[in-house]
């Protein structure tokens, strides 16, 4: 039996990052969101922070590696992924 997908929610900064992303970045983030809903622990790398559970996922934009990344926190108990921020590089 396939487990239920994880819930994906956005913080205020995550929503702001999505709103200001380019069309290609937004498409990459939304595609990444689908991956997060299936298996958030496998989509990024654990980021060393004092609280724990913070991951960073480097995205491909337009099919090529980019400086765009998603910071997200995983709550295993609630089966919820919080998109904390979307960061775009140069």
PDB file of N, CA and C in Angstrom:
ATOM      1  N   UNK A   1       0.836  -1.183   0.000  1.00  0.00           N
ATOM      2  CA  UNK A   1       0.000   0.000   0.000  1.00  0.00           C
ATOM      3  C   UNK A   1       0.879   1.245   0.000  1.00  0.00           C
ATOM      4  N   UNK A   2       0.579   2.190  -0.856  1.00  0.00           N
ATOM      5  CA  UNK A   2       1.343   3.430  -0.973  1.00  0.00           C
ATOM      6  C   UNK A   2       0.941   4.392   0.142  1.00  0.00           C
ATOM      7  N   UNK A   3       1.925   4.945   0.882  1.00  0.00           N
ATOM      8  CA  UNK A   3       1.574   5.894   1.941  1.00  0.00           C
ATOM      9  C   UNK A   3       0.991   7.180   1.360  1.00  0.00           C
ATOM     10  N   UNK A   4       0.198   7.856   2.163  1.00  0.00           N
ATOM     11  CA  UNK A   4      -0.398   9.121   1.739  1.00  0.00           C
ATOM     12  C   UNK A   4       0.702  10.149   1.512  1.00  0.00           C
ATOM     13  N   UNK A   5       0.495  11.060   0.565  1.00  0.00           N
ATOM     14  CA  UNK A   5       1.515  12.081   0.326  1.00  0.00           C
ATOM     15  C   UNK A   5       1.650  13.018   1.533  1.00  0.00           C
ATOM     16  N   UNK A   6       2.820  13.594   1.652  1.00  0.00           N
ATOM     17  CA  UNK A   6       3.074  14.562   2.709  1.00  0.00           C
ATOM     18  C   UNK A   6       2.345  15.863   2.377  1.00  0.00           C
ATOM     19  N   UNK A   7       1.924  16.589   3.389  1.00  0.00           N
ATOM     20  CA  UNK A   7       1.330  17.914   3.185  1.00  0.00           C
ATOM     21  C   UNK A   7       2.454  18.918   2.969  1.00  0.00           C
ATOM     22  N   UNK A   8       2.249  19.821   2.031  1.00  0.00           N
ATOM     23  CA  UNK A   8       3.230  20.864   1.747  1.00  0.00           C
ATOM     24  C   UNK A   8       2.597  22.206   2.097  1.00  0.00           C
ATOM     25  N   UNK A   9       3.254  22.965   2.953  1.00  0.00           N
ATOM     26  CA  UNK A   9       2.789  24.305   3.316  1.00  0.00           C
ATOM     27  C   UNK A   9       3.942  25.287   3.133  1.00  0.00           C
ATOM     28  N   UNK A  10       3.607  26.542   2.925  1.00  0.00           N
ATOM     29  CA  UNK A  10       4.609  27.585   2.702  1.00  0.00           C
ATOM     30  C   UNK A  10       4.564  28.601   3.833  1.00  0.00           C
ATOM     31  N   UNK A  11       5.751  28.984   4.323  1.00  0.00           N
ATOM     32  CA  UNK A  11       5.837  30.091   5.275  1.00  0.00           C
ATOM     33  C   UNK A  11       5.607  31.386   4.495  1.00  0.00           C
ATOM     34  N   UNK A  12       5.523  32.503   5.197  1.00  0.00           N
ATOM     35  CA  UNK A  12       5.354  33.788   4.504  1.00  0.00           C
ATOM     36  C   UNK A  12       6.522  34.063   3.568  1.00  0.00           C
ATOM     37  N   UNK A  13       7.743  33.766   4.019  1.00  0.00           N
ATOM     38  CA  UNK A  13       8.894  33.998   3.150  1.00  0.00           C
ATOM     39  C   UNK A  13       8.907  33.009   1.981  1.00  0.00           C
ATOM     40  N   UNK A  14       8.432  31.788   2.214  1.00  0.00           N
ATOM     41  CA  UNK A  14       8.323  30.824   1.123  1.00  0.00           C
ATOM     42  C   UNK A  14       7.333  31.280   0.071  1.00  0.00           C
ATOM     43  N   UNK A  15       6.177  31.808   0.517  1.00  0.00           N
ATOM     44  CA  UNK A  15       5.176  32.327  -0.434  1.00  0.00           C
ATOM     45  C   UNK A  15       5.717  33.540  -1.183  1.00  0.00           C
ATOM     46  N   UNK A  16       6.447  34.397  -0.475  1.00  0.00           N
ATOM     47  CA  UNK A  16       7.023  35.583  -1.122  1.00  0.00           C
ATOM     48  C   UNK A  16       8.052  35.167  -2.175  1.00  0.00           C
ATOM     49  N   UNK A  17       8.857  34.155  -1.855  1.00  0.00           N
ATOM     50  CA  UNK A  17       9.835  33.664  -2.823  1.00  0.00           C
ATOM     51  C   UNK A  17       9.169  33.091  -4.057  1.00  0.00           C
ATOM     52  N   UNK A  18       8.082  32.376  -3.857  1.00  0.00           N
ATOM     53  CA  UNK A  18       7.352  31.807  -4.991  1.00  0.00           C
ATOM     54  C   UNK A  18       6.723  32.912  -5.834  1.00  0.00           C
ATOM     55  N   UNK A  19       6.205  33.947  -5.172  1.00  0.00           N
ATOM     56  CA  UNK A  19       5.551  35.047  -5.883  1.00  0.00           C
ATOM     57  C   UNK A  19       6.536  35.868  -6.710  1.00  0.00           C
ATOM     58  N   UNK A  20       7.792  35.954  -6.274  1.00  0.00           N
ATOM     59  CA  UNK A  20       8.768  36.778  -6.990  1.00  0.00           C
ATOM     60  C   UNK A  20       9.672  35.959  -7.914  1.00  0.00           C
ATOM     61  N   UNK A  21       9.487  34.659  -7.955  1.00  0.00           N
ATOM     62  CA  UNK A  21      10.302  33.799  -8.815  1.00  0.00           C
ATOM     63  C   UNK A  21       9.964  34.038 -10.280  1.00  0.00           C
ATOM     64  N   UNK A  22      10.928  33.760 -11.131  1.00  0.00           N
ATOM     65  CA  UNK A  22      10.652  33.828 -12.572  1.00  0.00           C
ATOM     66  C   UNK A  22       9.696  32.688 -12.932  1.00  0.00           C
ATOM     67  N   UNK A  23       9.162  32.739 -14.112  1.00  0.00           N
ATOM     68  CA  UNK A  23       8.247  31.686 -14.563  1.00  0.00           C
ATOM     69  C   UNK A  23       8.951  30.326 -14.535  1.00  0.00           C
ATOM     70  N   UNK A  24      10.186  30.278 -15.017  1.00  0.00           N
ATOM     71  CA  UNK A  24      10.937  29.015 -15.042  1.00  0.00           C
ATOM     72  C   UNK A  24      11.248  28.535 -13.622  1.00  0.00           C
ATOM     73  N   UNK A  25      11.620  29.459 -12.729  1.00  0.00           N
ATOM     74  CA  UNK A  25      11.888  29.080 -11.334  1.00  0.00           C
ATOM     75  C   UNK A  25      10.626  28.557 -10.662  1.00  0.00           C
ATOM     76  N   UNK A  26       9.515  29.242 -10.878  1.00  0.00           N
ATOM     77  CA  UNK A  26       8.244  28.827 -10.278  1.00  0.00           C
ATOM     78  C   UNK A  26       7.869  27.423 -10.742  1.00  0.00           C
ATOM     79  N   UNK A  27       8.037  27.140 -12.020  1.00  0.00           N
ATOM     80  CA  UNK A  27       7.739  25.801 -12.547  1.00  0.00           C
ATOM     81  C   UNK A  27       8.643  24.761 -11.887  1.00  0.00           C
ATOM     82  N   UNK A  28       9.921  25.088 -11.693  1.00  0.00           N
ATOM     83  CA  UNK A  28      10.855  24.161 -11.052  1.00  0.00           C
ATOM     84  C   UNK A  28      10.471  23.921  -9.595  1.00  0.00           C
ATOM     85  N   UNK A  29      10.062  24.972  -8.893  1.00  0.00           N
ATOM     86  CA  UNK A  29       9.651  24.833  -7.485  1.00  0.00           C
ATOM     87  C   UNK A  29       8.403  23.970  -7.386  1.00  0.00           C
ATOM     88  N   UNK A  30       7.434  24.189  -8.249  1.00  0.00           N
ATOM     89  CA  UNK A  30       6.199  23.406  -8.200  1.00  0.00           C
ATOM     90  C   UNK A  30       6.460  21.943  -8.552  1.00  0.00           C
ATOM     91  N   UNK A  31       7.396  21.695  -9.455  1.00  0.00           N
ATOM     92  CA  UNK A  31       7.783  20.316  -9.752  1.00  0.00           C
ATOM     93  C   UNK A  31       8.478  19.693  -8.539  1.00  0.00           C
ATOM     94  N   UNK A  32       9.327  20.460  -7.886  1.00  0.00           N
ATOM     95  CA  UNK A  32      10.017  19.991  -6.681  1.00  0.00           C
ATOM     96  C   UNK A  32       9.012  19.704  -5.565  1.00  0.00           C
ATOM     97  N   UNK A  33       7.961  20.515  -5.486  1.00  0.00           N
ATOM     98  CA  UNK A  33       6.914  20.303  -4.487  1.00  0.00           C
ATOM     99  C   UNK A  33       6.284  18.917  -4.639  1.00  0.00           C
ATOM    100  N   UNK A  34       6.078  18.480  -5.862  1.00  0.00           N
ATOM    101  CA  UNK A  34       5.525  17.138  -6.103  1.00  0.00           C
ATOM    102  C   UNK A  34       6.464  16.060  -5.571  1.00  0.00           C
ATOM    103  N   UNK A  35       7.762  16.269  -5.756  1.00  0.00           N
ATOM    104  CA  UNK A  35       8.749  15.320  -5.234  1.00  0.00           C
ATOM    105  C   UNK A  35       8.733  15.314  -3.700  1.00  0.00           C
ATOM    106  N   UNK A  36       8.613  16.501  -3.112  1.00  0.00           N
ATOM    107  CA  UNK A  36       8.556  16.604  -1.648  1.00  0.00           C
ATOM    108  C   UNK A  36       7.364  15.843  -1.093  1.00  0.00           C
ATOM    109  N   UNK A  37       6.239  15.920  -1.774  1.00  0.00           N
ATOM    110  CA  UNK A  37       5.028  15.247  -1.297  1.00  0.00           C
ATOM    111  C   UNK A  37       5.207  13.732  -1.271  1.00  0.00           C
ATOM    112  N   UNK A  38       6.088  13.206  -2.120  1.00  0.00           N
ATOM    113  CA  UNK A  38       6.333  11.762  -2.147  1.00  0.00           C
ATOM    114  C   UNK A  38       7.368  11.334  -1.106  1.00  0.00           C
ATOM    115  N   UNK A  39       8.482  12.048  -1.017  1.00  0.00           N
ATOM    116  CA  UNK A  39       9.561  11.621  -0.107  1.00  0.00           C
ATOM    117  C   UNK A  39      10.492  12.789   0.221  1.00  0.00           C
ATOM    118  N   UNK A  40      10.119  13.608   1.179  1.00  0.00           N
ATOM    119  CA  UNK A  40      10.894  14.819   1.471  1.00  0.00           C
ATOM    120  C   UNK A  40      12.315  14.566   1.961  1.00  0.00           C
ATOM    121  N   UNK A  41      12.556  13.444   2.614  1.00  0.00           N
ATOM    122  CA  UNK A  41      13.896  13.170   3.132  1.00  0.00           C
ATOM    123  C   UNK A  41      14.891  12.845   2.029  1.00  0.00           C
ATOM    124  N   UNK A  42      14.395  12.487   0.859  1.00  0.00           N
ATOM    125  CA  UNK A  42      15.264  12.088  -0.238  1.00  0.00           C
ATOM    126  C   UNK A  42      15.454  13.178  -1.288  1.00  0.00           C
ATOM    127  N   UNK A  43      14.798  14.315  -1.121  1.00  0.00           N
ATOM    128  CA  UNK A  43      14.839  15.371  -2.139  1.00  0.00           C
ATOM    129  C   UNK A  43      15.957  16.389  -1.940  1.00  0.00           C
ATOM    130  N   UNK A  44      16.492  16.455  -0.761  1.00  0.00           N
ATOM    131  CA  UNK A  44      17.510  17.460  -0.489  1.00  0.00           C
ATOM    132  C   UNK A  44      18.526  16.934   0.497  1.00  0.00           C
ATOM    133  N   UNK A  45      19.380  17.833   0.941  1.00  0.00           N
ATOM    134  CA  UNK A  45      20.405  17.489   1.915  1.00  0.00           C
ATOM    135  C   UNK A  45      20.070  18.128   3.244  1.00  0.00           C
ATOM    136  N   UNK A  46      20.314  17.388   4.311  1.00  0.00           N
ATOM    137  CA  UNK A  46      20.087  17.912   5.650  1.00  0.00           C
ATOM    138  C   UNK A  46      21.025  19.086   5.885  1.00  0.00           C
ATOM    139  N   UNK A  47      20.474  20.193   6.321  1.00  0.00           N
ATOM    140  CA  UNK A  47      21.228  21.420   6.562  1.00  0.00           C
ATOM    141  C   UNK A  47      21.517  21.513   8.056  1.00  0.00           C
ATOM    142  N   UNK A  48      22.750  21.759   8.449  1.00  0.00           N
ATOM    143  CA  UNK A  48      23.071  21.788   9.878  1.00  0.00           C
ATOM    144  C   UNK A  48      22.543  23.055  10.550  1.00  0.00           C
ATOM    145  N   UNK A  49      21.457  22.903  11.286  1.00  0.00           N
ATOM    146  CA  UNK A  49      20.913  24.030  12.046  1.00  0.00           C
ATOM    147  C   UNK A  49      20.602  23.554  13.453  1.00  0.00           C
ATOM    148  N   UNK A  50      20.482  24.471  14.415  1.00  0.00           N
ATOM    149  CA  UNK A  50      20.303  24.064  15.812  1.00  0.00           C
ATOM    150  C   UNK A  50      18.997  23.322  16.092  1.00  0.00           C
ATOM    151  N   UNK A  51      17.945  23.608  15.356  1.00  0.00           N
ATOM    152  CA  UNK A  51      16.646  22.995  15.609  1.00  0.00           C
ATOM    153  C   UNK A  51      16.578  21.598  14.997  1.00  0.00           C
ATOM    154  N   UNK A  52      17.163  21.438  13.823  1.00  0.00           N
ATOM    155  CA  UNK A  52      17.140  20.154  13.117  1.00  0.00           C
ATOM    156  C   UNK A  52      15.968  20.053  12.161  1.00  0.00           C
ATOM    157  N   UNK A  53      16.074  19.123  11.241  1.00  0.00           N
ATOM    158  CA  UNK A  53      14.989  18.889  10.285  1.00  0.00           C
ATOM    159  C   UNK A  53      14.933  19.860   9.137  1.00  0.00           C
ATOM    160  N   UNK A  54      15.961  20.699   8.979  1.00  0.00           N
ATOM    161  CA  UNK A  54      15.979  21.662   7.879  1.00  0.00           C
ATOM    162  C   UNK A  54      16.790  21.071   6.729  1.00  0.00           C
ATOM    163  N   UNK A  55      16.214  21.109   5.545  1.00  0.00           N
ATOM    164  CA  UNK A  55      16.853  20.556   4.354  1.00  0.00           C
ATOM    165  C   UNK A  55      17.012  21.656   3.308  1.00  0.00           C
ATOM    166  N   UNK A  56      17.958  21.457   2.420  1.00  0.00           N
ATOM    167  CA  UNK A  56      18.099  22.343   1.276  1.00  0.00           C
ATOM    168  C   UNK A  56      18.072  21.492   0.011  1.00  0.00           C
ATOM    169  N   UNK A  57      17.288  21.934  -0.944  1.00  0.00           N
ATOM    170  CA  UNK A  57      17.185  21.232  -2.220  1.00  0.00           C
ATOM    171  C   UNK A  57      17.592  22.153  -3.353  1.00  0.00           C
ATOM    172  N   UNK A  58      18.625  21.784  -4.089  1.00  0.00           N
ATOM    173  CA  UNK A  58      19.092  22.555  -5.235  1.00  0.00           C
ATOM    174  C   UNK A  58      18.284  22.135  -6.461  1.00  0.00           C
ATOM    175  N   UNK A  59      17.750  23.105  -7.178  1.00  0.00           N
ATOM    176  CA  UNK A  59      16.846  22.820  -8.296  1.00  0.00           C
ATOM    177  C   UNK A  59      17.514  22.959  -9.646  1.00  0.00           C
ATOM    178  N   UNK A  60      16.932  22.283 -10.609  1.00  0.00           N
ATOM    179  CA  UNK A  60      17.239  22.529 -12.013  1.00  0.00           C
ATOM    180  C   UNK A  60      16.139  23.448 -12.538  1.00  0.00           C
ATOM    181  N   UNK A  61      16.541  24.483 -13.240  1.00  0.00           N
ATOM    182  CA  UNK A  61      15.580  25.420 -13.821  1.00  0.00           C
ATOM    183  C   UNK A  61      15.750  25.363 -15.327  1.00  0.00           C
ATOM    184  N   UNK A  62      14.688  25.057 -16.009  1.00  0.00           N
ATOM    185  CA  UNK A  62      14.757  24.917 -17.452  1.00  0.00           C
ATOM    186  C   UNK A  62      15.625  23.748 -17.875  1.00  0.00           C
ATOM    187  N   UNK A  63      15.713  22.727 -17.007  1.00  0.00           N
ATOM    188  CA  UNK A  63      16.464  21.528 -17.341  1.00  0.00           C
ATOM    189  C   UNK A  63      17.956  21.600 -17.075  1.00  0.00           C
ATOM    190  N   UNK A  64      18.434  22.706 -16.505  1.00  0.00           N
ATOM    191  CA  UNK A  64      19.867  22.826 -16.193  1.00  0.00           C
ATOM    192  C   UNK A  64      20.052  23.179 -14.715  1.00  0.00           C
ATOM    193  N   UNK A  65      21.156  22.720 -14.113  1.00  0.00           N
ATOM    194  CA  UNK A  65      21.412  23.082 -12.712  1.00  0.00           C
ATOM    195  C   UNK A  65      21.445  24.601 -12.556  1.00  0.00           C
ATOM    196  N   UNK A  66      20.864  25.093 -11.470  1.00  0.00           N
ATOM    197  CA  UNK A  66      20.764  26.535 -11.257  1.00  0.00           C
ATOM    198  C   UNK A  66      21.161  26.870  -9.826  1.00  0.00           C
ATOM    199  N   UNK A  67      21.220  28.147  -9.544  1.00  0.00           N
ATOM    200  CA  UNK A  67      21.508  28.613  -8.187  1.00  0.00           C
ATOM    201  C   UNK A  67      20.243  28.705  -7.353  1.00  0.00           C
ATOM    202  N   UNK A  68      19.138  28.233  -7.864  1.00  0.00           N
ATOM    203  CA  UNK A  68      17.866  28.290  -7.152  1.00  0.00           C
ATOM    204  C   UNK A  68      17.767  27.110  -6.191  1.00  0.00           C
ATOM    205  N   UNK A  69      17.437  27.398  -4.944  1.00  0.00           N
ATOM    206  CA  UNK A  69      17.289  26.321  -3.974  1.00  0.00           C
ATOM    207  C   UNK A  69      16.081  26.580  -3.086  1.00  0.00           C
ATOM    208  N   UNK A  70      15.617  25.504  -2.478  1.00  0.00           N
ATOM    209  CA  UNK A  70      14.467  25.555  -1.573  1.00  0.00           C
ATOM    210  C   UNK A  70      14.938  25.092  -0.199  1.00  0.00           C
ATOM    211  N   UNK A  71      14.687  25.900   0.814  1.00  0.00           N
ATOM    212  CA  UNK A  71      14.922  25.486   2.197  1.00  0.00           C
ATOM    213  C   UNK A  71      13.596  25.004   2.753  1.00  0.00           C
ATOM    214  N   UNK A  72      13.597  23.818   3.323  1.00  0.00           N
ATOM    215  CA  UNK A  72      12.347  23.279   3.857  1.00  0.00           C
ATOM    216  C   UNK A  72      12.593  22.501   5.134  1.00  0.00           C
ATOM    217  N   UNK A  73      11.597  22.478   5.977  1.00  0.00           N
ATOM    218  CA  UNK A  73      11.673  21.769   7.247  1.00  0.00           C
ATOM    219  C   UNK A  73      10.681  20.614   7.218  1.00  0.00           C
ATOM    220  N   UNK A  74      11.110  19.453   7.706  1.00  0.00           N
ATOM    221  CA  UNK A  74      10.280  18.260   7.701  1.00  0.00           C
ATOM    222  C   UNK A  74       9.786  17.973   9.112  1.00  0.00           C
ATOM    223  N   UNK A  75       8.473  17.833   9.250  1.00  0.00           N
ATOM    224  CA  UNK A  75       7.859  17.445  10.526  1.00  0.00           C
ATOM    225  C   UNK A  75       7.348  16.019  10.343  1.00  0.00           C
ATOM    226  N   UNK A  76       8.140  15.051  10.829  1.00  0.00           N
ATOM    227  CA  UNK A  76       7.790  13.642  10.629  1.00  0.00           C
ATOM    228  C   UNK A  76       6.490  13.258  11.322  1.00  0.00           C
ATOM    229  N   UNK A  77       6.260  13.810  12.491  1.00  0.00           N
ATOM    230  CA  UNK A  77       5.067  13.443  13.254  1.00  0.00           C
ATOM    231  C   UNK A  77       3.789  13.877  12.538  1.00  0.00           C
ATOM    232  N   UNK A  78       3.795  15.086  12.001  1.00  0.00           N
ATOM    233  CA  UNK A  78       2.614  15.617  11.306  1.00  0.00           C
ATOM    234  C   UNK A  78       2.593  15.242   9.820  1.00  0.00           C
ATOM    235  N   UNK A  79       3.679  14.626   9.323  1.00  0.00           N
ATOM    236  CA  UNK A  79       3.834  14.344   7.886  1.00  0.00           C
ATOM    237  C   UNK A  79       3.604  15.614   7.073  1.00  0.00           C
ATOM    238  N   UNK A  80       4.336  16.655   7.491  1.00  0.00           N
ATOM    239  CA  UNK A  80       4.182  17.962   6.868  1.00  0.00           C
ATOM    240  C   UNK A  80       5.552  18.513   6.488  1.00  0.00           C
ATOM    241  N   UNK A  81       5.611  19.153   5.339  1.00  0.00           N
ATOM    242  CA  UNK A  81       6.819  19.820   4.873  1.00  0.00           C
ATOM    243  C   UNK A  81       6.519  21.318   4.802  1.00  0.00           C
ATOM    244  N   UNK A  82       7.341  22.105   5.495  1.00  0.00           N
ATOM    245  CA  UNK A  82       7.197  23.561   5.485  1.00  0.00           C
ATOM    246  C   UNK A  82       8.268  24.140   4.584  1.00  0.00           C
ATOM    247  N   UNK A  83       7.868  24.770   3.482  1.00  0.00           N
ATOM    248  CA  UNK A  83       8.819  25.472   2.607  1.00  0.00           C
ATOM    249  C   UNK A  83       9.116  26.793   3.290  1.00  0.00           C
ATOM    250  N   UNK A  84      10.341  26.911   3.780  1.00  0.00           N
ATOM    251  CA  UNK A  84      10.748  28.069   4.562  1.00  0.00           C
ATOM    252  C   UNK A  84      11.151  29.229   3.644  1.00  0.00           C
ATOM    253  N   UNK A  85      11.937  28.932   2.604  1.00  0.00           N
ATOM    254  CA  UNK A  85      12.408  29.985   1.716  1.00  0.00           C
ATOM    255  C   UNK A  85      12.767  29.405   0.363  1.00  0.00           C
ATOM    256  N   UNK A  86      12.679  30.260  -0.637  1.00  0.00           N
ATOM    257  CA  UNK A  86      13.143  29.953  -1.987  1.00  0.00           C
ATOM    258  C   UNK A  86      14.213  30.974  -2.302  1.00  0.00           C
ATOM    259  N   UNK A  87      15.399  30.494  -2.629  1.00  0.00           N
ATOM    260  CA  UNK A  87      16.545  31.374  -2.820  1.00  0.00           C
ATOM    261  C   UNK A  87      17.010  31.286  -4.256  1.00  0.00           C
ATOM    262  N   UNK A  88      17.125  32.434  -4.900  1.00  0.00           N
ATOM    263  CA  UNK A  88      17.598  32.488  -6.274  1.00  0.00           C
ATOM    264  C   UNK A  88      18.978  33.130  -6.297  1.00  0.00           C
ATOM    265  N   UNK A  89      19.859  32.543  -7.077  1.00  0.00           N
ATOM    266  CA  UNK A  89      21.207  33.073  -7.172  1.00  0.00           C
ATOM    267  C   UNK A  89      21.360  34.027  -8.339  1.00  0.00           C
ATOM    268  N   UNK A  90      22.624  34.333  -8.634  1.00  0.00           N
ATOM    269  CA  UNK A  90      22.905  35.304  -9.706  1.00  0.00           C
ATOM    270  C   UNK A  90      22.481  34.818 -11.072  1.00  0.00           C
TER     271      UNK A  90
END
